[in-house]
Amino acid sequence: MTTTITSIRQPVISSLIEFMLGDYFSMPSFHGQRAIDSTAYSLEFYFIRGAIFYYLGQYNGAIRDFSMVLRMDWRHRGAAAWIAKAERAHCRGAGGKCR
């Protein structure tokens, strides 16, 4: 099986669409629990959107979204690794000229 950019992007985009149209709107609105759940959804949204930006080659947008994930949860396992990955890709795309 040949892996193409389209086949890599498809699961990420599908995950974002599923997240956006999923169970979020059918959640019960318990006063205290709703705030916790919406933060978790926001974190997941920024993480998935960061991955989409990365796969689209928009590395600055990806770095911004992964940084937002770290602001919400500084212990997030993947966000720091994705930031490093996006920064390396950005440097390669800029002809080796890094910030």
Protein backbone atom coordinates (compact mmCIF):
# COMPACT_ATOMS: atom_id res chain seq x y z
CA MET A 1 0.00 0.00 0.00
CA THR A 2 1.37 3.39 -0.96
CA THR A 3 1.01 6.16 1.60
CA THR A 4 0.15 9.53 0.13
CA ILE A 5 -0.35 12.92 1.68
CA THR A 6 -4.08 12.57 1.07
CA SER A 7 -4.24 9.25 2.91
CA ILE A 8 -2.40 10.80 5.87
CA ARG A 9 -4.58 13.92 6.00
CA GLN A 10 -7.89 12.09 5.68
CA PRO A 11 -7.97 10.54 9.20
CA VAL A 12 -7.04 13.88 10.80
CA ILE A 13 -9.73 15.79 8.91
CA SER A 14 -12.26 13.03 9.61
CA SER A 15 -11.42 13.22 13.31
CA LEU A 16 -12.00 16.98 13.34
CA ILE A 17 -15.34 16.67 11.57
CA GLU A 18 -16.43 13.86 13.89
CA PHE A 19 -15.37 15.94 16.88
CA MET A 20 -17.24 19.01 15.66
CA LEU A 21 -20.44 17.12 14.81
CA GLY A 22 -20.21 14.45 17.49
CA ASP A 23 -21.75 14.23 20.95
CA TYR A 24 -20.74 17.73 22.02
CA PHE A 25 -24.15 19.27 21.45
CA SER A 26 -26.03 16.41 23.08
CA MET A 27 -24.08 16.62 26.34
CA PRO A 28 -26.11 17.37 29.47
CA SER A 29 -25.45 20.86 30.75
CA PHE A 30 -24.54 20.27 34.38
CA HIS A 31 -23.33 23.61 35.65
CA GLY A 32 -19.89 22.65 37.02
CA GLN A 33 -19.16 19.66 34.79
CA ARG A 34 -19.94 21.53 31.57
CA ALA A 35 -16.98 23.91 32.06
CA ILE A 36 -14.58 20.99 32.53
CA ASP A 37 -15.97 19.18 29.48
CA SER A 38 -15.80 22.28 27.28
CA THR A 39 -12.14 22.79 28.25
CA ALA A 40 -11.37 19.21 27.26
CA TYR A 41 -13.16 19.74 23.95
CA SER A 42 -11.27 22.99 23.36
CA LEU A 43 -7.97 21.25 24.04
CA GLU A 44 -8.82 18.45 21.63
CA PHE A 45 -10.01 20.96 19.03
CA TYR A 46 -6.73 22.93 19.09
CA PHE A 47 -4.67 19.74 19.00
CA ILE A 48 -6.51 18.33 15.98
CA ARG A 49 -6.54 21.69 14.20
CA GLY A 50 -2.79 22.00 14.84
CA ALA A 51 -2.26 18.63 13.17
CA ILE A 52 -4.37 19.74 10.21
CA PHE A 53 -2.33 22.94 9.88
CA TYR A 54 0.85 20.85 10.01
CA TYR A 55 -0.29 18.48 7.26
CA LEU A 56 -1.38 21.44 5.13
CA GLY A 57 2.08 22.97 5.47
CA GLN A 58 0.88 25.90 7.59
CA TYR A 59 3.52 25.45 10.26
CA ASN A 60 3.03 28.80 12.03
CA GLY A 61 -0.66 28.00 12.54
CA ALA A 62 0.26 24.55 13.81
CA ILE A 63 2.79 25.97 16.28
CA ARG A 64 0.22 28.49 17.50
CA ASP A 65 -2.45 25.81 18.09
CA PHE A 66 -0.07 23.37 19.80
CA SER A 67 1.13 26.22 22.02
CA MET A 68 -2.51 26.87 22.96
CA VAL A 69 -2.83 23.20 23.95
CA LEU A 70 0.19 23.57 26.24
CA ARG A 71 -1.34 26.69 27.81
CA MET A 72 -4.47 24.68 28.63
CA ASP A 73 -2.58 21.59 29.82
CA TRP A 74 1.16 22.01 30.27
CA ARG A 75 1.54 18.24 30.75
CA HIS A 76 -0.01 17.33 27.39
CA ARG A 77 2.06 14.49 25.97
CA GLY A 78 2.05 15.26 22.26
CA ALA A 79 1.84 19.03 21.94
CA ALA A 80 5.50 19.79 22.69
CA ALA A 81 6.65 17.09 20.29
CA TRP A 82 4.40 18.47 17.55
CA ILE A 83 5.72 21.99 18.14
CA ALA A 84 9.28 20.73 17.66
CA LYS A 85 8.23 18.82 14.55
CA ALA A 86 6.49 21.88 13.06
CA GLU A 87 9.48 24.12 13.84
CA ARG A 88 11.84 21.70 12.07
CA ALA A 89 9.52 21.54 9.05
CA HIS A 90 9.24 25.33 9.02
CA CYS A 91 13.05 25.64 9.02
CA ARG A 92 13.36 23.15 6.15
CA GLY A 93 10.73 25.08 4.18
CA ALA A 94 12.51 28.38 4.78
CA GLY A 95 15.73 27.08 3.25
CA GLY A 96 17.35 26.43 6.63
CA LYS A 97 16.73 29.96 7.90
CA CYS A 98 15.32 29.47 11.39
CA ARG A 99 14.19 32.08 13.83
